N, C-alpha and C. Protein backbone atom coordinates (compact mmCIF):
# COMPACT_ATOMS: atom_id res chain seq x y z
N MET A 1 0.84 -1.04 0.06
CA MET A 1 0.05 0.06 0.46
C MET A 1 0.85 1.18 0.17
N LYS A 2 0.32 1.88 -0.56
CA LYS A 2 1.29 2.91 -0.81
C LYS A 2 1.10 4.30 0.31
N ASN A 3 1.87 4.49 0.26
CA ASN A 3 2.07 6.01 1.56
C ASN A 3 0.67 7.14 0.91
N LYS A 4 0.58 7.38 0.10
CA LYS A 4 -0.61 7.84 -0.60
C LYS A 4 -1.84 7.93 0.16
N ASP A 5 -2.00 6.52 -0.28
CA ASP A 5 -3.15 5.40 0.34
C ASP A 5 -3.54 5.77 1.79
N VAL A 6 -2.25 5.21 2.51
CA VAL A 6 -2.35 5.07 4.03
C VAL A 6 -2.99 6.81 4.35
N LEU A 7 -2.13 7.76 4.13
CA LEU A 7 -2.62 8.75 4.43
C LEU A 7 -3.83 9.69 4.20
N LYS A 8 -5.07 9.27 3.28
CA LYS A 8 -5.72 8.86 2.28
C LYS A 8 -6.98 8.37 3.59
N LYS A 9 -6.83 7.76 3.65
CA LYS A 9 -7.52 6.49 4.91
C LYS A 9 -7.23 7.77 6.26
N PHE A 10 -6.11 7.73 6.65
CA PHE A 10 -6.17 8.50 7.69
C PHE A 10 -6.82 9.14 7.98
N TYR A 11 -6.71 10.05 6.64
CA TYR A 11 -8.39 11.54 6.72
C TYR A 11 -9.08 11.12 7.00
N ILE A 12 -9.36 10.41 6.31
CA ILE A 12 -11.13 9.78 6.04
C ILE A 12 -11.57 9.48 7.70
N ILE A 13 -10.73 8.67 8.11
CA ILE A 13 -10.98 8.01 9.40
C ILE A 13 -11.29 9.67 10.34
N ALA A 14 -10.12 10.22 10.72
CA ALA A 14 -10.05 11.32 11.52
C ALA A 14 -11.19 12.17 11.11
N SER A 15 -11.89 12.24 9.68
CA SER A 15 -12.64 13.59 9.30
C SER A 15 -14.22 12.67 9.73
N LEU A 16 -14.40 11.06 9.83
CA LEU A 16 -15.35 10.37 10.35
C LEU A 16 -15.27 10.74 11.79
N PHE A 17 -14.27 10.75 12.57
CA PHE A 17 -14.57 10.35 14.32
C PHE A 17 -14.77 11.86 14.34
N GLY A 18 -14.18 12.93 13.98
CA GLY A 18 -14.01 14.48 13.91
C GLY A 18 -15.54 15.13 14.51
N THR A 19 -16.11 14.54 13.24
CA THR A 19 -18.00 14.82 12.72
C THR A 19 -18.45 13.79 13.73
N GLY A 20 -18.54 13.11 14.20
CA GLY A 20 -19.16 12.31 15.01
C GLY A 20 -19.07 13.05 16.44
N ILE A 21 -17.25 13.54 16.69
CA ILE A 21 -17.67 13.69 18.04
C ILE A 21 -18.40 15.37 18.06
N LEU A 22 -18.63 16.23 17.12
CA LEU A 22 -18.75 17.36 16.77
C LEU A 22 -20.52 16.95 16.86
N LEU A 23 -21.32 16.19 16.18
CA LEU A 23 -22.59 16.17 16.32
C LEU A 23 -23.20 15.44 17.47
N ASN A 24 -22.18 14.54 18.42
CA ASN A 24 -22.76 14.59 19.63
C ASN A 24 -22.43 15.50 20.59
N SER A 25 -21.76 16.78 20.73
CA SER A 25 -21.66 17.76 21.43
C SER A 25 -22.83 18.74 20.65
N CYS A 26 -23.16 18.62 20.09
CA CYS A 26 -24.40 19.88 19.51
C CYS A 26 -26.00 19.15 19.65
N SER A 27 -25.77 17.60 20.27
CA SER A 27 -26.88 16.82 19.89
C SER A 27 -28.22 17.59 20.90
N THR A 28 -29.22 17.41 20.59
CA THR A 28 -29.96 18.29 21.62
C THR A 28 -30.12 16.54 22.90
N GLY A 29 -30.30 17.35 24.23
CA GLY A 29 -30.62 16.22 24.93
C GLY A 29 -32.08 16.28 25.64
N TYR A 30 -32.69 15.16 25.92
CA TYR A 30 -33.74 15.02 26.00
C TYR A 30 -33.41 14.22 27.39
N VAL A 31 -35.17 15.22 28.66
CA VAL A 31 -35.13 14.32 29.89
C VAL A 31 -36.47 14.49 29.58
N ALA A 32 -36.90 13.84 31.00
CA ALA A 32 -38.36 13.03 31.06
C ALA A 32 -39.15 14.60 31.40
N THR A 33 -38.31 14.86 33.03
CA THR A 33 -39.28 16.49 33.26
C THR A 33 -38.11 17.25 33.49
N GLN A 34 -38.78 18.91 33.10
CA GLN A 34 -37.50 19.66 33.16
C GLN A 34 -37.30 20.48 34.61
N PRO A 35 -35.85 20.50 34.88
CA PRO A 35 -35.45 20.68 36.13
C PRO A 35 -36.04 22.08 36.71
N SER A 36 -35.91 22.25 37.69
CA SER A 36 -36.19 23.27 39.00
C SER A 36 -35.81 24.34 38.81
N TYR A 37 -36.18 25.51 38.11
CA TYR A 37 -35.62 26.78 38.31
C TYR A 37 -34.73 27.28 39.36
N ILE A 38 -33.69 28.00 39.35
CA ILE A 38 -33.31 28.39 40.67
C ILE A 38 -33.31 29.69 40.77
N GLU A 39 -34.04 30.85 41.66
CA GLU A 39 -33.73 32.13 41.29
C GLU A 39 -32.71 32.35 42.36
N TYR A 40 -31.85 33.08 41.38
CA TYR A 40 -30.42 34.19 41.74
C TYR A 40 -30.83 35.46 41.79
N SER A 41 -30.43 35.94 42.88
CA SER A 41 -30.47 37.58 42.64
C SER A 41 -29.87 38.65 41.58
N ARG A 42 -30.64 39.26 41.23
CA ARG A 42 -29.72 40.33 39.99
C ARG A 42 -28.93 40.81 40.16
N PRO A 43 -27.92 41.08 39.79
CA PRO A 43 -26.84 42.10 40.24
C PRO A 43 -27.91 43.78 39.70
N GLU A 44 -26.90 44.56 39.80
CA GLU A 44 -27.79 45.70 39.80
C GLU A 44 -27.38 46.24 38.26
N ARG A 45 -28.35 47.10 37.89
CA ARG A 45 -28.74 46.73 36.31
C ARG A 45 -27.89 47.89 36.09
N PRO A 46 -27.00 48.31 35.00
CA PRO A 46 -25.54 48.91 34.98
C PRO A 46 -26.32 50.28 34.35
N SER A 47 -27.50 50.49 33.26
CA SER A 47 -27.79 51.41 32.70
C SER A 47 -29.72 51.37 32.45
N ASN A 48 -29.99 52.00 31.76
CA ASN A 48 -31.25 52.01 31.48
C ASN A 48 -31.06 51.21 30.03
N LEU A 49 -30.21 51.21 29.57
CA LEU A 49 -29.78 50.63 28.35
C LEU A 49 -30.12 49.21 27.90
N HIS A 50 -29.85 48.49 29.54
CA HIS A 50 -29.73 47.32 29.66
C HIS A 50 -31.01 46.00 29.69
N ILE A 51 -31.06 45.00 29.47
CA ILE A 51 -31.77 44.46 29.74
C ILE A 51 -31.17 43.09 30.02
N TRP A 52 -32.50 42.26 30.94
CA TRP A 52 -31.71 40.95 31.28
C TRP A 52 -32.64 40.08 30.71
N ILE A 53 -31.03 39.23 30.63
CA ILE A 53 -31.43 38.29 30.13
C ILE A 53 -31.24 36.82 30.68
N ASP A 54 -32.34 36.16 31.37
CA ASP A 54 -32.81 34.82 31.84
C ASP A 54 -31.52 33.96 31.23
N GLY A 55 -30.91 33.27 32.55
CA GLY A 55 -30.00 32.47 31.96
C GLY A 55 -30.40 31.11 31.08
N ASP A 56 -29.80 30.53 30.13
CA ASP A 56 -30.26 29.27 29.51
C ASP A 56 -29.99 28.26 30.55
N TRP A 57 -30.43 26.61 29.72
CA TRP A 57 -30.00 25.55 30.23
C TRP A 57 -28.87 24.80 29.17
N PHE A 58 -28.52 24.01 29.85
CA PHE A 58 -27.00 23.45 29.41
C PHE A 58 -26.76 22.16 29.50
N TYR A 59 -26.89 21.47 28.26
CA TYR A 59 -27.28 19.71 28.30
C TYR A 59 -26.05 19.35 28.81
N ASN A 60 -25.51 18.61 29.84
CA ASN A 60 -24.31 17.50 30.05
C ASN A 60 -24.24 16.51 29.83
N HIS A 61 -23.70 16.11 28.57
CA HIS A 61 -24.40 14.45 28.19
C HIS A 61 -23.42 13.80 29.19
N GLN A 62 -22.74 13.93 29.79
CA GLN A 62 -21.98 12.79 30.48
C GLN A 62 -22.83 12.61 31.61
N THR A 63 -23.59 13.30 32.24
CA THR A 63 -24.50 13.76 32.94
C THR A 63 -25.91 12.98 32.95
N ARG A 64 -26.15 13.48 31.65
CA ARG A 64 -27.81 13.78 30.75
C ARG A 64 -28.14 14.18 31.56
N ASN A 65 -28.22 15.32 32.37
CA ASN A 65 -28.98 16.37 32.96
C ASN A 65 -28.72 18.00 32.34
N TYR A 66 -29.69 18.84 32.70
CA TYR A 66 -29.61 20.23 32.12
C TYR A 66 -28.84 20.66 33.60
N ILE A 67 -28.12 21.96 33.14
CA ILE A 67 -27.51 22.45 34.23
C ILE A 67 -27.87 24.10 33.92
N GLN A 68 -28.39 24.98 34.90
CA GLN A 68 -28.94 26.27 34.81
C GLN A 68 -27.68 27.24 34.79
N GLN A 69 -27.83 28.49 33.53
CA GLN A 69 -26.62 29.01 33.70
C GLN A 69 -27.66 30.17 34.23
N ARG A 70 -26.64 31.40 34.77
CA ARG A 70 -27.16 32.27 35.37
C ARG A 70 -27.12 33.40 34.52
N GLY A 71 -28.64 34.19 34.93
CA GLY A 71 -28.59 35.48 33.80
C GLY A 71 -27.95 36.78 33.76
N TYR A 72 -28.10 37.37 32.90
CA TYR A 72 -27.22 38.49 32.85
C TYR A 72 -27.37 39.90 32.33
N TRP A 73 -27.12 41.07 32.90
CA TRP A 73 -27.57 42.20 31.60
C TRP A 73 -27.03 42.35 30.38
N GLU A 74 -27.53 42.41 29.86
CA GLU A 74 -26.93 43.15 28.32
C GLU A 74 -27.35 44.04 27.23
N LYS A 75 -26.51 44.84 27.09
CA LYS A 75 -26.92 45.90 26.42
C LYS A 75 -27.66 45.42 24.63
N PRO A 76 -28.48 45.67 24.45
CA PRO A 76 -29.18 44.93 22.77
C PRO A 76 -28.31 45.83 21.80
N SER A 77 -28.16 45.55 21.21
CA SER A 77 -27.63 45.43 19.50
C SER A 77 -29.20 46.92 18.95
N PRO A 78 -28.76 47.69 17.99
CA PRO A 78 -29.67 47.97 17.20
C PRO A 78 -30.72 47.51 16.26
N ASN A 79 -32.16 47.20 16.71
CA ASN A 79 -32.93 46.70 15.88
C ASN A 79 -32.87 45.13 16.26
N ARG A 80 -32.59 44.67 17.05
CA ARG A 80 -32.11 43.00 17.87
C ARG A 80 -33.15 43.35 19.05
N ILE A 81 -34.14 42.35 19.01
CA ILE A 81 -34.57 41.98 20.30
C ILE A 81 -33.99 39.87 20.66
N TYR A 82 -34.39 40.08 21.81
CA TYR A 82 -34.15 38.62 22.31
C TYR A 82 -35.05 37.99 22.54
N VAL A 83 -35.33 36.93 21.99
CA VAL A 83 -36.28 35.79 22.12
C VAL A 83 -35.80 34.86 23.18
N SER A 84 -36.40 34.62 24.48
CA SER A 84 -35.82 33.94 25.41
C SER A 84 -36.16 32.41 25.18
N GLY A 85 -35.10 31.96 25.74
CA GLY A 85 -35.07 30.40 25.62
C GLY A 85 -36.57 29.57 26.06
N GLN A 86 -37.11 28.44 25.83
CA GLN A 86 -38.10 27.46 26.48
C GLN A 86 -38.03 26.32 26.01
N TRP A 87 -38.49 25.52 27.29
CA TRP A 87 -38.97 24.20 27.32
C TRP A 87 -39.62 23.71 26.40
N GLN A 88 -39.08 22.84 24.89
CA GLN A 88 -39.83 22.43 24.08
C GLN A 88 -40.38 20.61 24.73
N THR A 89 -41.49 20.51 24.62
CA THR A 89 -41.94 18.80 24.32
C THR A 89 -42.10 18.39 23.57
N THR A 90 -41.40 17.03 23.42
CA THR A 90 -41.68 15.82 21.85
C THR A 90 -42.04 14.75 22.61
N PRO A 91 -42.31 13.85 21.49
CA PRO A 91 -42.63 12.45 21.89
C PRO A 91 -41.05 11.83 22.80
N LYS A 92 -40.25 12.20 22.75
CA LYS A 92 -38.76 11.79 22.98
C LYS A 92 -38.49 12.65 24.31
N GLY A 93 -39.34 13.35 24.55
CA GLY A 93 -39.07 14.04 25.81
C GLY A 93 -38.88 15.48 26.20
N LYS A 94 -38.47 16.40 27.24
CA LYS A 94 -38.42 17.65 26.82
C LYS A 94 -37.02 18.20 26.54
N TYR A 95 -36.66 19.24 25.84
CA TYR A 95 -35.78 19.33 25.84
C TYR A 95 -35.38 21.25 25.99
N TRP A 96 -34.17 21.66 25.55
CA TRP A 96 -34.40 23.52 26.08
C TRP A 96 -33.82 24.11 24.51
N SER A 97 -34.79 25.00 24.26
CA SER A 97 -34.43 25.41 23.17
C SER A 97 -34.00 27.11 23.83
N LYS A 98 -32.60 26.98 22.96
CA LYS A 98 -32.05 28.19 23.96
C LYS A 98 -32.11 29.53 23.30
N GLY A 99 -32.31 30.25 24.07
CA GLY A 99 -32.66 32.00 23.79
C GLY A 99 -31.63 32.46 23.06
N HIS A 100 -31.84 33.12 21.95
CA HIS A 100 -31.40 34.10 20.78
C HIS A 100 -31.94 35.32 20.57
N TRP A 101 -30.45 36.19 19.74
CA TRP A 101 -30.92 37.44 19.31
C TRP A 101 -31.40 37.03 17.90
N GLN A 102 -32.64 38.08 17.58
CA GLN A 102 -33.45 38.20 16.34
C GLN A 102 -33.52 39.76 15.74
N LYS A 103 -33.07 39.85 14.26
CA LYS A 103 -33.28 40.95 13.50
C LYS A 103 -34.92 41.44 14.11
N ARG A 104 -35.35 42.49 14.58
CA ARG A 104 -36.99 43.04 15.05
C ARG A 104 -37.15 43.54 13.44
N GLU A 105 -38.49 42.75 13.49
CA GLU A 105 -39.18 43.16 12.17
C GLU A 105 -39.73 44.74 12.55
N ARG A 106 -39.49 45.37 11.41
CA ARG A 106 -40.64 46.81 11.20
C ARG A 106 -41.80 46.65 10.90
N GLU A 107 -42.15 47.24 12.33
CA GLU A 107 -43.90 47.30 11.41
C GLU A 107 -44.52 48.18 10.70
N GLU A 108 -45.22 47.29 9.71
CA GLU A 108 -45.58 48.61 8.38
C GLU A 108 -47.19 49.13 9.04
N ASN A 109 -47.76 49.98 8.43
CA ASN A 109 -48.78 50.28 8.71
C ASN A 109 -49.33 50.15 7.30
N ARG A 110 -50.05 49.00 7.06
CA ARG A 110 -50.95 48.50 5.89
C ARG A 110 -52.11 49.33 5.53
N HIS A 111 -52.66 50.20 6.28
CA HIS A 111 -53.67 51.20 5.64
C HIS A 111 -52.83 52.41 4.88
N ASN A 112 -52.09 52.65 5.18
CA ASN A 112 -51.35 53.61 4.21
C ASN A 112 -50.37 53.77 2.94
N ARG A 113 -51.02 51.91 2.22
CA ARG A 113 -50.09 51.89 1.26
C ARG A 113 -51.13 52.61 -0.46
N TYR A 114 -51.81 53.32 0.44
CA TYR A 114 -52.52 53.77 -1.33
C TYR A 114 -52.13 54.83 -1.64
C-alpha cells in the first residue's frame, strides 16, 4: 500500500471521528421532566439601556442532565430583540430551546399603502 493511500484513509477516518464528536456535542438532550428553576439575585442594572437576559440551560451529555446558567444584563444591538429560551415537549421528552437574538421586524402600517 502506498503512503498516499494510507494518508488518505487516515484523513477519512479522522474526519468521520471528528464529525461524530461534533454532532454528539451539539445534539439535543432529552429529559423526562424539566429541572426546577433556581432564582438568583440580579446584580444592579448597569444602565437604563441594558435588559436582563434569563440564564439558559446547558445539557451535560455525561450526566444527562440540564444545568442552569445564570442570567446577565446586556445592552441590545440596534434593531435586535432577545427571544427567551423555552422548554419544548416532544414524544422523546423535553428539551431546552436556547434563547437568541433576532432582527427586529419593522412594523408597517398596511392602511397607508394607497
